[in-house]
Amino acid sequence: MNIPETLKYTRDHEWIDNEGRVGITDYAQESLGDVVFVELPQVGQRLKIGETFGVVESVKSVSDLYSPVDGTVAAVNESLKETPELINQDPYQQGWIMRVDVENHSADLLDAKSYQQQVEGE
């Protein structure tokens, strides 16, 4: 399981980097199985911490996506409309979902070590 040290994580298995890019973790994509559809947020949409911003649908299930920050959606990964499996292939690079202009981070974001401990306990 890949858990990059440079990212912060939510307890719901989203990640965020220093530039405000958000996606789901390697653990989450593996648990979901083959991703077949991603509902992306709208550019300009304002988000609050913990608010649903989209959906990832796989052959196994449908999962809501939750914002790790307060902010405004600055960009979405348009490639996921045609190639949602990028989330399975490369969840931390090509499989990012949105970029947010961050106004406030959640105090509950986990570092890599804490996130690893969480998933090992699941």
N, C-alpha and C. Protein backbone atom coordinates (compact mmCIF):
# COMPACT_ATOMS: atom_id res chain seq x y z
N MET A 1 0.85 -1.18 0.00
CA MET A 1 0.00 0.00 0.00
C MET A 1 0.90 1.24 0.00
N ASN A 2 0.62 2.16 -0.90
CA ASN A 2 1.41 3.36 -1.06
C ASN A 2 0.77 4.51 -0.26
N ILE A 3 1.53 5.07 0.69
CA ILE A 3 1.06 6.21 1.50
C ILE A 3 2.16 7.26 1.48
N PRO A 4 2.16 8.17 0.50
CA PRO A 4 3.23 9.17 0.42
C PRO A 4 3.32 10.05 1.68
N GLU A 5 4.55 10.28 2.11
CA GLU A 5 4.82 11.08 3.30
C GLU A 5 4.45 12.55 3.13
N THR A 6 4.43 13.04 1.88
CA THR A 6 4.24 14.47 1.64
C THR A 6 2.78 14.90 1.66
N LEU A 7 1.85 13.97 1.78
CA LEU A 7 0.43 14.28 1.73
C LEU A 7 -0.19 14.26 3.12
N LYS A 8 -1.38 14.85 3.22
CA LYS A 8 -2.21 14.75 4.42
C LYS A 8 -3.45 13.94 4.04
N TYR A 9 -4.05 13.27 5.02
CA TYR A 9 -5.12 12.32 4.77
C TYR A 9 -6.31 12.56 5.67
N THR A 10 -7.50 12.20 5.16
CA THR A 10 -8.70 12.24 5.99
C THR A 10 -8.99 10.83 6.48
N ARG A 11 -9.80 10.74 7.49
CA ARG A 11 -10.22 9.43 8.00
C ARG A 11 -11.12 8.72 6.99
N ASP A 12 -11.66 9.47 6.01
CA ASP A 12 -12.53 8.91 4.96
C ASP A 12 -11.74 8.53 3.71
N HIS A 13 -10.41 8.58 3.77
CA HIS A 13 -9.51 8.09 2.71
C HIS A 13 -9.34 9.04 1.53
N GLU A 14 -9.49 10.33 1.76
CA GLU A 14 -9.08 11.32 0.76
C GLU A 14 -7.69 11.82 1.14
N TRP A 15 -6.97 12.32 0.15
CA TRP A 15 -5.67 12.94 0.41
C TRP A 15 -5.69 14.36 -0.15
N ILE A 16 -4.77 15.19 0.36
CA ILE A 16 -4.58 16.55 -0.16
C ILE A 16 -3.09 16.86 -0.12
N ASP A 17 -2.62 17.54 -1.18
CA ASP A 17 -1.21 17.93 -1.21
C ASP A 17 -1.07 19.42 -0.91
N ASN A 18 0.15 19.92 -0.92
CA ASN A 18 0.42 21.32 -0.59
C ASN A 18 -0.14 22.30 -1.61
N GLU A 19 -0.47 21.82 -2.81
CA GLU A 19 -1.04 22.69 -3.84
C GLU A 19 -2.56 22.66 -3.88
N GLY A 20 -3.17 21.90 -2.96
CA GLY A 20 -4.62 21.82 -2.90
C GLY A 20 -5.23 20.75 -3.78
N ARG A 21 -4.38 19.90 -4.40
CA ARG A 21 -4.94 18.78 -5.17
C ARG A 21 -5.49 17.74 -4.21
N VAL A 22 -6.65 17.17 -4.57
CA VAL A 22 -7.35 16.21 -3.72
C VAL A 22 -7.64 14.96 -4.54
N GLY A 23 -7.55 13.81 -3.89
CA GLY A 23 -7.92 12.54 -4.53
C GLY A 23 -8.24 11.52 -3.47
N ILE A 24 -8.40 10.26 -3.89
CA ILE A 24 -8.59 9.19 -2.92
C ILE A 24 -7.29 8.39 -2.82
N THR A 25 -7.13 7.74 -1.69
CA THR A 25 -5.88 7.04 -1.40
C THR A 25 -5.78 5.71 -2.15
N ASP A 26 -4.58 5.20 -2.16
CA ASP A 26 -4.31 3.89 -2.73
C ASP A 26 -5.16 2.83 -2.02
N TYR A 27 -5.25 2.93 -0.71
CA TYR A 27 -6.08 2.01 0.08
C TYR A 27 -7.54 2.08 -0.38
N ALA A 28 -8.06 3.29 -0.57
CA ALA A 28 -9.46 3.46 -0.97
C ALA A 28 -9.70 2.88 -2.36
N GLN A 29 -8.82 3.18 -3.32
CA GLN A 29 -9.05 2.67 -4.68
C GLN A 29 -8.96 1.16 -4.71
N GLU A 30 -8.07 0.59 -3.89
CA GLU A 30 -7.94 -0.86 -3.84
C GLU A 30 -9.20 -1.49 -3.23
N SER A 31 -9.73 -0.85 -2.20
CA SER A 31 -10.95 -1.35 -1.55
C SER A 31 -12.15 -1.27 -2.47
N LEU A 32 -12.22 -0.22 -3.28
CA LEU A 32 -13.34 -0.03 -4.20
C LEU A 32 -13.33 -1.03 -5.35
N GLY A 33 -12.15 -1.37 -5.82
CA GLY A 33 -12.04 -2.19 -7.02
C GLY A 33 -12.01 -1.29 -8.25
N ASP A 34 -12.35 -1.83 -9.40
CA ASP A 34 -12.24 -1.09 -10.66
C ASP A 34 -13.20 0.10 -10.70
N VAL A 35 -12.64 1.31 -10.76
CA VAL A 35 -13.43 2.53 -10.83
C VAL A 35 -13.98 2.68 -12.25
N VAL A 36 -15.30 2.89 -12.34
CA VAL A 36 -15.96 2.99 -13.65
C VAL A 36 -16.56 4.37 -13.91
N PHE A 37 -16.69 5.21 -12.86
CA PHE A 37 -17.29 6.53 -13.03
C PHE A 37 -16.87 7.42 -11.87
N VAL A 38 -16.62 8.69 -12.18
CA VAL A 38 -16.32 9.69 -11.15
C VAL A 38 -17.20 10.91 -11.40
N GLU A 39 -17.97 11.30 -10.39
CA GLU A 39 -18.74 12.54 -10.45
C GLU A 39 -17.86 13.65 -9.89
N LEU A 40 -17.51 14.60 -10.74
CA LEU A 40 -16.61 15.69 -10.36
C LEU A 40 -17.40 16.89 -9.86
N PRO A 41 -16.81 17.68 -8.97
CA PRO A 41 -17.45 18.93 -8.55
C PRO A 41 -17.38 19.97 -9.67
N GLN A 42 -18.07 21.07 -9.49
CA GLN A 42 -18.04 22.17 -10.45
C GLN A 42 -16.92 23.14 -10.08
N VAL A 43 -16.18 23.59 -11.07
CA VAL A 43 -15.19 24.64 -10.84
C VAL A 43 -15.94 25.87 -10.31
N GLY A 44 -15.41 26.47 -9.28
CA GLY A 44 -16.06 27.62 -8.64
C GLY A 44 -16.93 27.24 -7.45
N GLN A 45 -17.21 25.95 -7.30
CA GLN A 45 -18.03 25.47 -6.18
C GLN A 45 -17.28 25.71 -4.87
N ARG A 46 -18.00 26.25 -3.88
CA ARG A 46 -17.41 26.47 -2.56
C ARG A 46 -17.68 25.24 -1.71
N LEU A 47 -16.64 24.81 -0.99
CA LEU A 47 -16.74 23.61 -0.17
C LEU A 47 -16.43 23.91 1.28
N LYS A 48 -17.05 23.15 2.15
CA LYS A 48 -16.76 23.18 3.59
C LYS A 48 -16.13 21.85 3.97
N ILE A 49 -15.32 21.85 5.00
CA ILE A 49 -14.70 20.63 5.50
C ILE A 49 -15.78 19.58 5.76
N GLY A 50 -15.58 18.38 5.22
CA GLY A 50 -16.50 17.28 5.44
C GLY A 50 -17.69 17.23 4.50
N GLU A 51 -17.84 18.26 3.67
CA GLU A 51 -18.95 18.32 2.72
C GLU A 51 -18.70 17.39 1.54
N THR A 52 -19.75 16.72 1.06
CA THR A 52 -19.64 15.86 -0.11
C THR A 52 -19.38 16.71 -1.34
N PHE A 53 -18.37 16.32 -2.13
CA PHE A 53 -18.08 17.07 -3.36
C PHE A 53 -18.19 16.23 -4.62
N GLY A 54 -18.43 14.95 -4.48
CA GLY A 54 -18.54 14.08 -5.65
C GLY A 54 -18.73 12.64 -5.24
N VAL A 55 -18.66 11.77 -6.25
CA VAL A 55 -18.89 10.34 -6.04
C VAL A 55 -17.90 9.55 -6.89
N VAL A 56 -17.43 8.43 -6.34
CA VAL A 56 -16.64 7.47 -7.11
C VAL A 56 -17.46 6.18 -7.15
N GLU A 57 -17.69 5.71 -8.37
CA GLU A 57 -18.45 4.47 -8.56
C GLU A 57 -17.50 3.40 -9.10
N SER A 58 -17.58 2.23 -8.49
CA SER A 58 -16.76 1.10 -8.94
C SER A 58 -17.68 -0.07 -9.25
N VAL A 59 -17.08 -1.16 -9.70
CA VAL A 59 -17.88 -2.35 -9.98
C VAL A 59 -18.46 -2.93 -8.69
N LYS A 60 -17.89 -2.57 -7.53
CA LYS A 60 -18.35 -3.09 -6.25
C LYS A 60 -19.34 -2.19 -5.54
N SER A 61 -19.13 -0.85 -5.62
CA SER A 61 -19.93 0.06 -4.80
C SER A 61 -19.85 1.50 -5.30
N VAL A 62 -20.59 2.36 -4.62
CA VAL A 62 -20.56 3.80 -4.86
C VAL A 62 -20.15 4.46 -3.56
N SER A 63 -19.19 5.39 -3.62
CA SER A 63 -18.69 6.06 -2.42
C SER A 63 -18.71 7.56 -2.60
N ASP A 64 -19.23 8.26 -1.59
CA ASP A 64 -19.17 9.72 -1.58
C ASP A 64 -17.74 10.17 -1.33
N LEU A 65 -17.42 11.35 -1.83
CA LEU A 65 -16.13 12.00 -1.60
C LEU A 65 -16.35 13.20 -0.69
N TYR A 66 -15.48 13.40 0.29
CA TYR A 66 -15.64 14.45 1.28
C TYR A 66 -14.45 15.41 1.24
N SER A 67 -14.75 16.69 1.30
CA SER A 67 -13.71 17.71 1.23
C SER A 67 -12.87 17.74 2.51
N PRO A 68 -11.55 17.72 2.37
CA PRO A 68 -10.68 17.82 3.53
C PRO A 68 -10.45 19.27 3.98
N VAL A 69 -10.96 20.23 3.22
CA VAL A 69 -10.69 21.64 3.49
C VAL A 69 -11.91 22.51 3.18
N ASP A 70 -11.88 23.73 3.71
CA ASP A 70 -12.76 24.79 3.24
C ASP A 70 -12.07 25.44 2.06
N GLY A 71 -12.80 25.75 1.01
CA GLY A 71 -12.19 26.42 -0.13
C GLY A 71 -13.08 26.40 -1.35
N THR A 72 -12.50 26.83 -2.46
CA THR A 72 -13.22 26.91 -3.73
C THR A 72 -12.53 26.00 -4.74
N VAL A 73 -13.34 25.22 -5.47
CA VAL A 73 -12.80 24.32 -6.48
C VAL A 73 -12.19 25.17 -7.60
N ALA A 74 -10.88 25.01 -7.81
CA ALA A 74 -10.17 25.79 -8.82
C ALA A 74 -10.04 25.03 -10.14
N ALA A 75 -10.01 23.69 -10.05
CA ALA A 75 -9.85 22.86 -11.25
C ALA A 75 -10.35 21.46 -10.92
N VAL A 76 -10.75 20.74 -11.96
CA VAL A 76 -11.09 19.33 -11.84
C VAL A 76 -10.29 18.55 -12.88
N ASN A 77 -10.09 17.29 -12.62
CA ASN A 77 -9.33 16.43 -13.53
C ASN A 77 -10.28 15.91 -14.61
N GLU A 78 -10.35 16.64 -15.71
CA GLU A 78 -11.25 16.29 -16.81
C GLU A 78 -10.95 14.91 -17.40
N SER A 79 -9.72 14.45 -17.28
CA SER A 79 -9.33 13.14 -17.81
C SER A 79 -10.15 12.01 -17.19
N LEU A 80 -10.63 12.22 -15.97
CA LEU A 80 -11.39 11.17 -15.29
C LEU A 80 -12.75 10.91 -15.93
N LYS A 81 -13.27 11.87 -16.70
CA LYS A 81 -14.55 11.66 -17.38
C LYS A 81 -14.45 10.53 -18.39
N GLU A 82 -13.35 10.49 -19.13
CA GLU A 82 -13.15 9.46 -20.15
C GLU A 82 -12.35 8.27 -19.63
N THR A 83 -11.54 8.49 -18.60
CA THR A 83 -10.63 7.44 -18.12
C THR A 83 -10.66 7.38 -16.59
N PRO A 84 -11.80 7.00 -16.01
CA PRO A 84 -11.89 6.97 -14.55
C PRO A 84 -10.92 5.99 -13.89
N GLU A 85 -10.46 5.00 -14.68
CA GLU A 85 -9.53 4.01 -14.13
C GLU A 85 -8.17 4.60 -13.77
N LEU A 86 -7.92 5.87 -14.13
CA LEU A 86 -6.68 6.53 -13.69
C LEU A 86 -6.59 6.53 -12.16
N ILE A 87 -7.73 6.55 -11.50
CA ILE A 87 -7.73 6.50 -10.04
C ILE A 87 -7.12 5.19 -9.56
N ASN A 88 -7.42 4.08 -10.23
CA ASN A 88 -6.83 2.80 -9.87
C ASN A 88 -5.36 2.73 -10.26
N GLN A 89 -5.04 3.24 -11.42
CA GLN A 89 -3.68 3.12 -11.96
C GLN A 89 -2.68 4.02 -11.24
N ASP A 90 -3.10 5.23 -10.85
CA ASP A 90 -2.16 6.22 -10.32
C ASP A 90 -2.91 7.22 -9.43
N PRO A 91 -3.37 6.77 -8.24
CA PRO A 91 -4.25 7.63 -7.43
C PRO A 91 -3.63 8.94 -6.95
N TYR A 92 -2.29 9.02 -6.90
CA TYR A 92 -1.66 10.22 -6.36
C TYR A 92 -1.13 11.19 -7.42
N GLN A 93 -1.12 10.79 -8.67
CA GLN A 93 -0.62 11.68 -9.71
C GLN A 93 -1.71 11.91 -10.76
N GLN A 94 -1.83 11.00 -11.72
CA GLN A 94 -2.80 11.18 -12.79
C GLN A 94 -4.25 11.03 -12.31
N GLY A 95 -4.46 10.38 -11.17
CA GLY A 95 -5.81 10.13 -10.67
C GLY A 95 -6.34 11.15 -9.68
N TRP A 96 -5.69 12.32 -9.60
CA TRP A 96 -6.23 13.37 -8.72
C TRP A 96 -7.63 13.75 -9.20
N ILE A 97 -8.47 14.29 -8.30
CA ILE A 97 -9.86 14.57 -8.64
C ILE A 97 -10.12 16.06 -8.80
N MET A 98 -9.64 16.87 -7.86
CA MET A 98 -9.86 18.32 -7.95
C MET A 98 -8.69 19.05 -7.32
N ARG A 99 -8.62 20.35 -7.64
CA ARG A 99 -7.68 21.24 -6.96
C ARG A 99 -8.49 22.35 -6.33
N VAL A 100 -8.20 22.63 -5.07
CA VAL A 100 -8.96 23.60 -4.29
C VAL A 100 -8.07 24.78 -3.90
N ASP A 101 -8.62 25.99 -4.02
CA ASP A 101 -7.98 27.15 -3.41
C ASP A 101 -8.37 27.10 -1.93
N VAL A 102 -7.43 26.67 -1.11
CA VAL A 102 -7.70 26.36 0.29
C VAL A 102 -7.85 27.62 1.14
N GLU A 103 -8.92 27.66 1.92
CA GLU A 103 -9.13 28.73 2.88
C GLU A 103 -8.83 28.26 4.30
N ASN A 104 -9.11 26.98 4.58
CA ASN A 104 -8.91 26.45 5.92
C ASN A 104 -8.75 24.93 5.85
N HIS A 105 -7.71 24.40 6.50
CA HIS A 105 -7.51 22.95 6.57
C HIS A 105 -8.28 22.39 7.77
N SER A 106 -8.68 21.15 7.66
CA SER A 106 -9.28 20.44 8.78
C SER A 106 -8.21 20.17 9.83
N ALA A 107 -8.55 20.34 11.08
CA ALA A 107 -7.62 20.02 12.16
C ALA A 107 -7.46 18.51 12.29
N ASP A 108 -8.35 17.76 11.66
CA ASP A 108 -8.34 16.30 11.76
C ASP A 108 -7.52 15.61 10.68
N LEU A 109 -6.82 16.36 9.83
CA LEU A 109 -6.01 15.72 8.79
C LEU A 109 -4.88 14.91 9.43
N LEU A 110 -4.63 13.74 8.84
CA LEU A 110 -3.63 12.82 9.37
C LEU A 110 -2.34 12.90 8.56
N ASP A 111 -1.20 12.71 9.22
CA ASP A 111 0.05 12.54 8.49
C ASP A 111 0.11 11.09 8.01
N ALA A 112 1.12 10.76 7.23
CA ALA A 112 1.22 9.43 6.62
C ALA A 112 1.26 8.32 7.68
N LYS A 113 2.01 8.52 8.74
CA LYS A 113 2.13 7.50 9.77
C LYS A 113 0.79 7.25 10.47
N SER A 114 0.10 8.32 10.81
CA SER A 114 -1.20 8.18 11.47
C SER A 114 -2.23 7.53 10.55
N TYR A 115 -2.18 7.90 9.26
CA TYR A 115 -3.12 7.29 8.31
C TYR A 115 -2.83 5.80 8.15
N GLN A 116 -1.55 5.43 8.10
CA GLN A 116 -1.19 4.01 7.99
C GLN A 116 -1.70 3.24 9.19
N GLN A 117 -1.57 3.80 10.38
CA GLN A 117 -2.07 3.15 11.58
C GLN A 117 -3.59 2.96 11.51
N GLN A 118 -4.28 3.96 10.96
CA GLN A 118 -5.74 3.85 10.83
C GLN A 118 -6.12 2.69 9.90
N VAL A 119 -5.52 2.63 8.72
CA VAL A 119 -5.92 1.59 7.76
C VAL A 119 -5.49 0.20 8.24
N GLU A 120 -4.41 0.11 8.96
CA GLU A 120 -4.01 -1.18 9.52
C GLU A 120 -5.01 -1.67 10.56
N GLY A 121 -5.72 -0.72 11.20
CA GLY A 121 -6.72 -1.08 12.20
C GLY A 121 -8.08 -1.41 11.61
N GLU A 122 -8.27 -1.17 10.30
CA GLU A 122 -9.58 -1.42 9.68
C GLU A 122 -9.74 -2.86 9.25
